[in-house]
Amino acid sequence: PSNGNLLKLDSTATATGVAIALFEDDGSTSIPLGQPSKTHPLSSTTQNALTYFAKYQSTAATVGEGTANATADFTVLYN
Protein backbone atom coordinates (compact mmCIF):
# COMPACT_ATOMS: atom_id res chain seq x y z
CA PRO A 1 0.00 0.00 0.00
CA SER A 2 1.09 3.57 -0.58
CA ASN A 3 0.29 4.51 3.03
CA GLY A 4 3.37 3.84 5.19
CA ASN A 5 1.14 3.20 8.20
CA LEU A 6 -0.43 0.07 6.73
CA LEU A 7 0.93 -3.46 6.72
CA LYS A 8 1.20 -4.96 3.27
CA LEU A 9 -0.52 -8.32 2.93
CA ASP A 10 1.65 -11.44 2.86
CA SER A 11 2.62 -12.74 -0.58
CA THR A 12 0.16 -15.64 -0.22
CA ALA A 13 -2.82 -13.30 0.31
CA THR A 14 -5.55 -13.48 -2.31
CA ALA A 15 -7.63 -10.48 -1.22
CA THR A 16 -7.12 -7.23 -3.11
CA GLY A 17 -7.61 -3.58 -2.23
CA VAL A 18 -6.98 -4.06 1.48
CA ALA A 19 -4.14 -3.72 4.01
CA ILE A 20 -3.89 -3.94 7.80
CA ALA A 21 -3.56 -1.07 10.28
CA LEU A 22 -2.31 -1.46 13.87
CA PHE A 23 -3.92 0.24 16.86
CA GLU A 24 -3.26 0.82 20.55
CA ASP A 25 -5.31 -0.96 23.23
CA ASP A 26 -8.11 1.63 22.90
CA GLY A 27 -8.76 0.31 19.39
CA SER A 28 -8.79 3.78 17.83
CA THR A 29 -5.29 5.27 18.22
CA SER A 30 -3.21 4.13 15.25
CA ILE A 31 0.40 3.01 15.63
CA PRO A 32 2.53 4.25 12.72
CA LEU A 33 4.81 1.51 11.37
CA GLY A 34 8.35 1.81 12.67
CA GLN A 35 7.29 4.02 15.57
CA PRO A 36 6.93 3.07 19.23
CA SER A 37 3.53 2.46 20.75
CA LYS A 38 2.57 4.20 23.96
CA THR A 39 4.40 3.22 27.14
CA HIS A 40 2.76 0.46 29.17
CA PRO A 41 3.39 0.24 32.91
CA LEU A 42 4.37 -3.28 33.94
CA SER A 43 3.89 -5.08 37.22
CA SER A 44 6.66 -7.11 38.83
CA THR A 45 4.16 -9.13 40.88
CA THR A 46 1.53 -10.17 38.35
CA GLN A 47 1.37 -11.34 34.77
CA ASN A 48 1.45 -8.53 32.19
CA ALA A 49 -0.42 -8.36 28.90
CA LEU A 50 0.14 -5.90 26.07
CA THR A 51 -3.01 -5.49 23.99
CA TYR A 52 -3.05 -4.20 20.42
CA PHE A 53 -5.59 -4.36 17.62
CA ALA A 54 -5.25 -5.00 13.91
CA LYS A 55 -7.96 -3.84 11.52
CA TYR A 56 -8.46 -4.25 7.82
CA GLN A 57 -8.44 -1.00 5.88
CA SER A 58 -9.42 -0.61 2.25
CA THR A 59 -6.75 0.75 -0.07
CA ALA A 60 -8.87 0.86 -3.21
CA ALA A 61 -12.43 1.66 -4.22
CA THR A 62 -13.11 -2.06 -4.69
CA VAL A 63 -12.05 -4.78 -2.26
CA GLY A 64 -11.70 -8.31 -3.59
CA GLU A 65 -12.45 -11.30 -1.38
CA GLY A 66 -9.83 -13.76 -0.24
CA THR A 67 -7.25 -14.32 2.45
CA ALA A 68 -5.75 -11.16 3.90
CA ASN A 69 -2.98 -11.96 6.35
CA ALA A 70 0.06 -9.84 7.17
CA THR A 71 3.09 -10.17 9.41
CA ALA A 72 4.15 -7.60 12.00
CA ASP A 73 7.39 -7.84 13.95
CA PHE A 74 7.53 -6.25 17.41
CA THR A 75 10.49 -5.29 19.54
CA VAL A 76 9.82 -5.09 23.27
CA LEU A 77 12.12 -2.87 25.32
CA TYR A 78 12.07 -3.51 29.03
CA ASN A 79 13.94 -1.37 31.54
PDB file of N, CA and C in Angstrom:
ATOM      1  N   PRO A   1       0.826  -1.206   0.000  1.00  0.00           N
ATOM      2  CA  PRO A   1       0.000   0.000   0.000  1.00  0.00           C
ATOM      3  C   PRO A   1       0.860   1.254   0.000  1.00  0.00           C
ATOM      4  N   SER A   2       0.332   2.322  -0.518  1.00  0.00           N
ATOM      5  CA  SER A   2       1.089   3.571  -0.584  1.00  0.00           C
ATOM      6  C   SER A   2       1.168   4.263   0.765  1.00  0.00           C
ATOM      7  N   ASN A   3       0.286   3.920   1.695  1.00  0.00           N
ATOM      8  CA  ASN A   3       0.287   4.513   3.030  1.00  0.00           C
ATOM      9  C   ASN A   3       1.298   3.766   3.898  1.00  0.00           C
ATOM     10  N   GLY A   4       2.331   4.466   4.384  1.00  0.00           N
ATOM     11  CA  GLY A   4       3.368   3.842   5.189  1.00  0.00           C
ATOM     12  C   GLY A   4       2.912   3.391   6.560  1.00  0.00           C
ATOM     13  N   ASN A   5       1.662   3.633   6.908  1.00  0.00           N
ATOM     14  CA  ASN A   5       1.138   3.200   8.201  1.00  0.00           C
ATOM     15  C   ASN A   5       0.325   1.919   8.095  1.00  0.00           C
ATOM     16  N   LEU A   6       0.339   1.295   6.937  1.00  0.00           N
ATOM     17  CA  LEU A   6      -0.432   0.071   6.728  1.00  0.00           C
ATOM     18  C   LEU A   6       0.492  -1.096   6.426  1.00  0.00           C
ATOM     19  N   LEU A   7       0.178  -2.247   7.016  1.00  0.00           N
ATOM     20  CA  LEU A   7       0.932  -3.457   6.723  1.00  0.00           C
ATOM     21  C   LEU A   7       0.500  -4.018   5.383  1.00  0.00           C
ATOM     22  N   LYS A   8       1.458  -4.308   4.543  1.00  0.00           N
ATOM     23  CA  LYS A   8       1.196  -4.957   3.265  1.00  0.00           C
ATOM     24  C   LYS A   8       0.808  -6.408   3.536  1.00  0.00           C
ATOM     25  N   LEU A   9      -0.112  -6.922   2.772  1.00  0.00           N
ATOM     26  CA  LEU A   9      -0.524  -8.316   2.928  1.00  0.00           C
ATOM     27  C   LEU A   9       0.619  -9.248   2.550  1.00  0.00           C
ATOM     28  N   ASP A  10       0.651 -10.430   3.189  1.00  0.00           N
ATOM     29  CA  ASP A  10       1.650 -11.441   2.860  1.00  0.00           C
ATOM     30  C   ASP A  10       1.522 -11.843   1.397  1.00  0.00           C
ATOM     31  N   SER A  11       2.597 -12.378   0.838  1.00  0.00           N
ATOM     32  CA  SER A  11       2.615 -12.736  -0.585  1.00  0.00           C
ATOM     33  C   SER A  11       1.605 -13.821  -0.933  1.00  0.00           C
ATOM     34  N   THR A  12       1.147 -14.585   0.046  1.00  0.00           N
ATOM     35  CA  THR A  12       0.161 -15.639  -0.217  1.00  0.00           C
ATOM     36  C   THR A  12      -1.283 -15.129  -0.153  1.00  0.00           C
ATOM     37  N   ALA A  13      -1.464 -13.867   0.199  1.00  0.00           N
ATOM     38  CA  ALA A  13      -2.818 -13.303   0.308  1.00  0.00           C
ATOM     39  C   ALA A  13      -3.489 -13.284  -1.059  1.00  0.00           C
ATOM     40  N   THR A  14      -4.790 -13.519  -1.058  1.00  0.00           N
ATOM     41  CA  THR A  14      -5.548 -13.480  -2.308  1.00  0.00           C
ATOM     42  C   THR A  14      -6.528 -12.313  -2.360  1.00  0.00           C
ATOM     43  N   ALA A  15      -6.759 -11.662  -1.236  1.00  0.00           N
ATOM     44  CA  ALA A  15      -7.634 -10.479  -1.221  1.00  0.00           C
ATOM     45  C   ALA A  15      -6.921  -9.326  -1.921  1.00  0.00           C
ATOM     46  N   THR A  16      -7.691  -8.406  -2.451  1.00  0.00           N
ATOM     47  CA  THR A  16      -7.122  -7.228  -3.106  1.00  0.00           C
ATOM     48  C   THR A  16      -7.779  -5.972  -2.554  1.00  0.00           C
ATOM     49  N   GLY A  17      -7.052  -4.861  -2.648  1.00  0.00           N
ATOM     50  CA  GLY A  17      -7.609  -3.581  -2.233  1.00  0.00           C
ATOM     51  C   GLY A  17      -7.723  -3.405  -0.737  1.00  0.00           C
ATOM     52  N   VAL A  18      -6.905  -4.137   0.023  1.00  0.00           N
ATOM     53  CA  VAL A  18      -6.979  -4.064   1.479  1.00  0.00           C
ATOM     54  C   VAL A  18      -5.576  -4.205   2.068  1.00  0.00           C
ATOM     55  N   ALA A  19      -5.376  -3.596   3.232  1.00  0.00           N
ATOM     56  CA  ALA A  19      -4.145  -3.721   4.010  1.00  0.00           C
ATOM     57  C   ALA A  19      -4.556  -3.779   5.477  1.00  0.00           C
ATOM     58  N   ILE A  20      -3.585  -3.811   6.367  1.00  0.00           N
ATOM     59  CA  ILE A  20      -3.891  -3.938   7.796  1.00  0.00           C
ATOM     60  C   ILE A  20      -3.242  -2.796   8.565  1.00  0.00           C
ATOM     61  N   ALA A  21      -4.039  -2.158   9.423  1.00  0.00           N
ATOM     62  CA  ALA A  21      -3.561  -1.073  10.281  1.00  0.00           C
ATOM     63  C   ALA A  21      -3.474  -1.582  11.715  1.00  0.00           C
ATOM     64  N   LEU A  22      -2.492  -1.071  12.465  1.00  0.00           N
ATOM     65  CA  LEU A  22      -2.305  -1.460  13.866  1.00  0.00           C
ATOM     66  C   LEU A  22      -2.765  -0.344  14.784  1.00  0.00           C
ATOM     67  N   PHE A  23      -3.360  -0.733  15.925  1.00  0.00           N
ATOM     68  CA  PHE A  23      -3.922   0.238  16.860  1.00  0.00           C
ATOM     69  C   PHE A  23      -3.538  -0.090  18.293  1.00  0.00           C
ATOM     70  N   GLU A  24      -3.508   0.965  19.117  1.00  0.00           N
ATOM     71  CA  GLU A  24      -3.262   0.820  20.548  1.00  0.00           C
ATOM     72  C   GLU A  24      -4.417   0.051  21.196  1.00  0.00           C
ATOM     73  N   ASP A  25      -4.305  -0.177  22.505  1.00  0.00           N
ATOM     74  CA  ASP A  25      -5.311  -0.959  23.226  1.00  0.00           C
ATOM     75  C   ASP A  25      -6.681  -0.303  23.286  1.00  0.00           C
ATOM     76  N   ASP A  26      -6.782   0.985  22.938  1.00  0.00           N
ATOM     77  CA  ASP A  26      -8.105   1.627  22.896  1.00  0.00           C
ATOM     78  C   ASP A  26      -8.841   1.313  21.598  1.00  0.00           C
ATOM     79  N   GLY A  27      -8.153   0.695  20.647  1.00  0.00           N
ATOM     80  CA  GLY A  27      -8.762   0.309  19.386  1.00  0.00           C
ATOM     81  C   GLY A  27      -8.949   1.428  18.390  1.00  0.00           C
ATOM     82  N   SER A  28      -8.575   2.666  18.749  1.00  0.00           N
ATOM     83  CA  SER A  28      -8.791   3.783  17.829  1.00  0.00           C
ATOM     84  C   SER A  28      -7.537   4.615  17.565  1.00  0.00           C
ATOM     85  N   THR A  29      -6.526   4.521  18.421  1.00  0.00           N
ATOM     86  CA  THR A  29      -5.290   5.274  18.216  1.00  0.00           C
ATOM     87  C   THR A  29      -4.343   4.440  17.371  1.00  0.00           C
ATOM     88  N   SER A  30      -4.052   4.914  16.152  1.00  0.00           N
ATOM     89  CA  SER A  30      -3.211   4.131  15.252  1.00  0.00           C
ATOM     90  C   SER A  30      -1.753   4.164  15.705  1.00  0.00           C
ATOM     91  N   ILE A  31      -1.033   3.111  15.357  1.00  0.00           N
ATOM     92  CA  ILE A  31       0.399   3.014  15.626  1.00  0.00           C
ATOM     93  C   ILE A  31       1.105   3.073  14.274  1.00  0.00           C
ATOM     94  N   PRO A  32       1.801   4.167  13.987  1.00  0.00           N
ATOM     95  CA  PRO A  32       2.533   4.247  12.718  1.00  0.00           C
ATOM     96  C   PRO A  32       3.621   3.169  12.662  1.00  0.00           C
ATOM     97  N   LEU A  33       3.788   2.550  11.515  1.00  0.00           N
ATOM     98  CA  LEU A  33       4.809   1.515  11.373  1.00  0.00           C
ATOM     99  C   LEU A  33       6.184   2.105  11.638  1.00  0.00           C
ATOM    100  N   GLY A  34       7.003   1.366  12.358  1.00  0.00           N
ATOM    101  CA  GLY A  34       8.352   1.808  12.667  1.00  0.00           C
ATOM    102  C   GLY A  34       8.450   2.773  13.826  1.00  0.00           C
ATOM    103  N   GLN A  35       7.312   3.093  14.443  1.00  0.00           N
ATOM    104  CA  GLN A  35       7.289   4.023  15.572  1.00  0.00           C
ATOM    105  C   GLN A  35       6.878   3.273  16.838  1.00  0.00           C
ATOM    106  N   PRO A  36       7.323   3.754  17.996  1.00  0.00           N
ATOM    107  CA  PRO A  36       6.929   3.067  19.234  1.00  0.00           C
ATOM    108  C   PRO A  36       5.458   3.288  19.567  1.00  0.00           C
ATOM    109  N   SER A  37       4.884   2.295  20.215  1.00  0.00           N
ATOM    110  CA  SER A  37       3.535   2.465  20.745  1.00  0.00           C
ATOM    111  C   SER A  37       3.653   3.245  22.041  1.00  0.00           C
ATOM    112  N   LYS A  38       2.522   3.488  22.677  1.00  0.00           N
ATOM    113  CA  LYS A  38       2.574   4.195  23.955  1.00  0.00           C
ATOM    114  C   LYS A  38       3.274   3.321  24.995  1.00  0.00           C
ATOM    115  N   THR A  39       3.748   3.938  26.052  1.00  0.00           N
ATOM    116  CA  THR A  39       4.401   3.224  27.137  1.00  0.00           C
ATOM    117  C   THR A  39       3.361   2.492  27.978  1.00  0.00           C
ATOM    118  N   HIS A  40       3.662   1.266  28.343  1.00  0.00           N
ATOM    119  CA  HIS A  40       2.760   0.461  29.165  1.00  0.00           C
ATOM    120  C   HIS A  40       3.427   0.179  30.507  1.00  0.00           C
ATOM    121  N   PRO A  41       2.805   0.581  31.613  1.00  0.00           N
ATOM    122  CA  PRO A  41       3.387   0.242  32.914  1.00  0.00           C
ATOM    123  C   PRO A  41       3.293  -1.266  33.145  1.00  0.00           C
ATOM    124  N   LEU A  42       4.341  -1.840  33.695  1.00  0.00           N
ATOM    125  CA  LEU A  42       4.369  -3.277  33.943  1.00  0.00           C
ATOM    126  C   LEU A  42       4.451  -3.555  35.433  1.00  0.00           C
ATOM    127  N   SER A  43       3.865  -4.659  35.826  1.00  0.00           N
ATOM    128  CA  SER A  43       3.886  -5.079  37.223  1.00  0.00           C
ATOM    129  C   SER A  43       4.967  -6.140  37.414  1.00  0.00           C
ATOM    130  N   SER A  44       5.659  -6.075  38.526  1.00  0.00           N
ATOM    131  CA  SER A  44       6.656  -7.106  38.832  1.00  0.00           C
ATOM    132  C   SER A  44       6.053  -8.246  39.648  1.00  0.00           C
ATOM    133  N   THR A  45       4.785  -8.111  40.025  1.00  0.00           N
ATOM    134  CA  THR A  45       4.161  -9.127  40.883  1.00  0.00           C
ATOM    135  C   THR A  45       3.038  -9.904  40.211  1.00  0.00           C
ATOM    136  N   THR A  46       2.598  -9.459  39.055  1.00  0.00           N
ATOM    137  CA  THR A  46       1.532 -10.170  38.345  1.00  0.00           C
ATOM    138  C   THR A  46       1.913 -10.326  36.882  1.00  0.00           C
ATOM    139  N   GLN A  47       1.149 -11.144  36.190  1.00  0.00           N
ATOM    140  CA  GLN A  47       1.369 -11.344  34.766  1.00  0.00           C
ATOM    141  C   GLN A  47       0.970 -10.080  34.015  1.00  0.00           C
ATOM    142  N   ASN A  48       1.737  -9.723  32.994  1.00  0.00           N
ATOM    143  CA  ASN A  48       1.453  -8.534  32.192  1.00  0.00           C
ATOM    144  C   ASN A  48       0.949  -8.942  30.815  1.00  0.00           C
ATOM    145  N   ALA A  49       0.077  -8.134  30.257  1.00  0.00           N
ATOM    146  CA  ALA A  49      -0.419  -8.358  28.899  1.00  0.00           C
ATOM    147  C   ALA A  49      -0.379  -7.035  28.149  1.00  0.00           C
ATOM    148  N   LEU A  50       0.136  -7.075  26.945  1.00  0.00           N
ATOM    149  CA  LEU A  50       0.137  -5.899  26.074  1.00  0.00           C
ATOM    150  C   LEU A  50      -0.904  -6.152  24.997  1.00  0.00           C
ATOM    151  N   THR A  51      -1.902  -5.297  24.921  1.00  0.00           N
ATOM    152  CA  THR A  51      -3.008  -5.493  23.991  1.00  0.00           C
ATOM    153  C   THR A  51      -2.917  -4.501  22.840  1.00  0.00           C
ATOM    154  N   TYR A  52      -3.026  -5.021  21.635  1.00  0.00           N
ATOM    155  CA  TYR A  52      -3.046  -4.202  20.421  1.00  0.00           C
ATOM    156  C   TYR A  52      -4.154  -4.746  19.525  1.00  0.00           C
ATOM    157  N   PHE A  53      -4.562  -3.947  18.565  1.00  0.00           N
ATOM    158  CA  PHE A  53      -5.586  -4.364  17.617  1.00  0.00           C
ATOM    159  C   PHE A  53      -5.066  -4.215  16.200  1.00  0.00           C
ATOM    160  N   ALA A  54      -5.523  -5.084  15.338  1.00  0.00           N
ATOM    161  CA  ALA A  54      -5.246  -4.995  13.908  1.00  0.00           C
ATOM    162  C   ALA A  54      -6.588  -4.934  13.198  1.00  0.00           C
ATOM    163  N   LYS A  55      -6.696  -4.001  12.248  1.00  0.00           N
ATOM    164  CA  LYS A  55      -7.958  -3.840  11.519  1.00  0.00           C
ATOM    165  C   LYS A  55      -7.676  -3.765  10.028  1.00  0.00           C
ATOM    166  N   TYR A  56      -8.558  -4.373   9.266  1.00  0.00           N
ATOM    167  CA  TYR A  56      -8.458  -4.253   7.817  1.00  0.00           C
ATOM    168  C   TYR A  56      -8.828  -2.838   7.405  1.00  0.00           C
ATOM    169  N   GLN A  57      -8.124  -2.323   6.416  1.00  0.00           N
ATOM    170  CA  GLN A  57      -8.437  -1.000   5.879  1.00  0.00           C
ATOM    171  C   GLN A  57      -8.375  -1.076   4.361  1.00  0.00           C
ATOM    172  N   SER A  58      -9.409  -0.571   3.708  1.00  0.00           N
ATOM    173  CA  SER A  58      -9.417  -0.609   2.248  1.00  0.00           C
ATOM    174  C   SER A  58      -8.368   0.349   1.698  1.00  0.00           C
ATOM    175  N   THR A  59      -7.752  -0.074   0.611  1.00  0.00           N
ATOM    176  CA  THR A  59      -6.750   0.751  -0.065  1.00  0.00           C
ATOM    177  C   THR A  59      -7.169   1.072  -1.495  1.00  0.00           C
ATOM    178  N   ALA A  60      -8.352   0.635  -1.856  1.00  0.00           N
ATOM    179  CA  ALA A  60      -8.872   0.862  -3.206  1.00  0.00           C
ATOM    180  C   ALA A  60     -10.389   0.984  -3.127  1.00  0.00           C
ATOM    181  N   ALA A  61     -10.979   1.486  -4.188  1.00  0.00           N
ATOM    182  CA  ALA A  61     -12.433   1.657  -4.221  1.00  0.00           C
ATOM    183  C   ALA A  61     -13.154   0.316  -4.161  1.00  0.00           C
ATOM    184  N   THR A  62     -12.517  -0.722  -4.688  1.00  0.00           N
ATOM    185  CA  THR A  62     -13.107  -2.057  -4.690  1.00  0.00           C
ATOM    186  C   THR A  62     -12.200  -3.005  -3.921  1.00  0.00           C
ATOM    187  N   VAL A  63     -12.791  -3.782  -3.028  1.00  0.00           N
ATOM    188  CA  VAL A  63     -12.046  -4.776  -2.260  1.00  0.00           C
ATOM    189  C   VAL A  63     -12.445  -6.151  -2.764  1.00  0.00           C
ATOM    190  N   GLY A  64     -11.440  -6.958  -3.114  1.00  0.00           N
ATOM    191  CA  GLY A  64     -11.701  -8.312  -3.587  1.00  0.00           C
ATOM    192  C   GLY A  64     -11.570  -9.318  -2.464  1.00  0.00           C
ATOM    193  N   GLU A  65     -12.451 -10.309  -2.456  1.00  0.00           N
ATOM    194  CA  GLU A  65     -12.455 -11.304  -1.383  1.00  0.00           C
ATOM    195  C   GLU A  65     -11.221 -12.186  -1.435  1.00  0.00           C
ATOM    196  N   GLY A  66     -10.949 -12.823  -0.314  1.00  0.00           N
ATOM    197  CA  GLY A  66      -9.832 -13.758  -0.237  1.00  0.00           C
ATOM    198  C   GLY A  66      -9.119 -13.644   1.088  1.00  0.00           C
ATOM    199  N   THR A  67      -8.039 -14.384   1.219  1.00  0.00           N
ATOM    200  CA  THR A  67      -7.254 -14.324   2.448  1.00  0.00           C
ATOM    201  C   THR A  67      -6.520 -12.993   2.518  1.00  0.00           C
ATOM    202  N   ALA A  68      -6.388 -12.474   3.724  1.00  0.00           N
ATOM    203  CA  ALA A  68      -5.753 -11.157   3.900  1.00  0.00           C
ATOM    204  C   ALA A  68      -4.943 -11.154   5.194  1.00  0.00           C
ATOM    205  N   ASN A  69      -3.848 -11.886   5.179  1.00  0.00           N
ATOM    206  CA  ASN A  69      -2.976 -11.964   6.354  1.00  0.00           C
ATOM    207  C   ASN A  69      -1.729 -11.123   6.130  1.00  0.00           C
ATOM    208  N   ALA A  70      -1.183 -10.610   7.223  1.00  0.00           N
ATOM    209  CA  ALA A  70       0.057  -9.838   7.172  1.00  0.00           C
ATOM    210  C   ALA A  70       0.904 -10.225   8.373  1.00  0.00           C
ATOM    211  N   THR A  71       2.169  -9.873   8.321  1.00  0.00           N
ATOM    212  CA  THR A  71       3.092 -10.172   9.407  1.00  0.00           C
ATOM    213  C   THR A  71       3.626  -8.873   9.984  1.00  0.00           C
ATOM    214  N   ALA A  72       3.593  -8.769  11.304  1.00  0.00           N
ATOM    215  CA  ALA A  72       4.146  -7.598  11.996  1.00  0.00           C
ATOM    216  C   ALA A  72       5.173  -8.093  13.006  1.00  0.00           C
ATOM    217  N   ASP A  73       6.352  -7.523  12.972  1.00  0.00           N
ATOM    218  CA  ASP A  73       7.391  -7.843  13.949  1.00  0.00           C
ATOM    219  C   ASP A  73       7.403  -6.762  15.016  1.00  0.00           C
ATOM    220  N   PHE A  74       7.502  -7.174  16.280  1.00  0.00           N
ATOM    221  CA  PHE A  74       7.527  -6.246  17.409  1.00  0.00           C
ATOM    222  C   PHE A  74       8.838  -6.397  18.158  1.00  0.00           C
ATOM    223  N   THR A  75       9.351  -5.296  18.633  1.00  0.00           N
ATOM    224  CA  THR A  75      10.491  -5.293  19.539  1.00  0.00           C
ATOM    225  C   THR A  75       9.999  -4.768  20.875  1.00  0.00           C
ATOM    226  N   VAL A  76      10.237  -5.512  21.934  1.00  0.00           N
ATOM    227  CA  VAL A  76       9.815  -5.095  23.271  1.00  0.00           C
ATOM    228  C   VAL A  76      11.058  -4.646  24.033  1.00  0.00           C
ATOM    229  N   LEU A  77      11.033  -3.404  24.504  1.00  0.00           N
ATOM    230  CA  LEU A  77      12.122  -2.871  25.318  1.00  0.00           C
ATOM    231  C   LEU A  77      11.659  -2.834  26.758  1.00  0.00           C
ATOM    232  N   TYR A  78      12.438  -3.428  27.623  1.00  0.00           N
ATOM    233  CA  TYR A  78      12.070  -3.511  29.031  1.00  0.00           C
ATOM    234  C   TYR A  78      13.214  -2.957  29.859  1.00  0.00           C
ATOM    235  N   ASN A  79      12.911  -1.956  30.680  1.00  0.00           N
ATOM    236  CA  ASN A  79      13.942  -1.367  31.545  1.00  0.00           C
ATOM    237  C   ASN A  79      13.741  -1.834  32.964  1.00  0.00           C
TER     238      ASN A  79
END
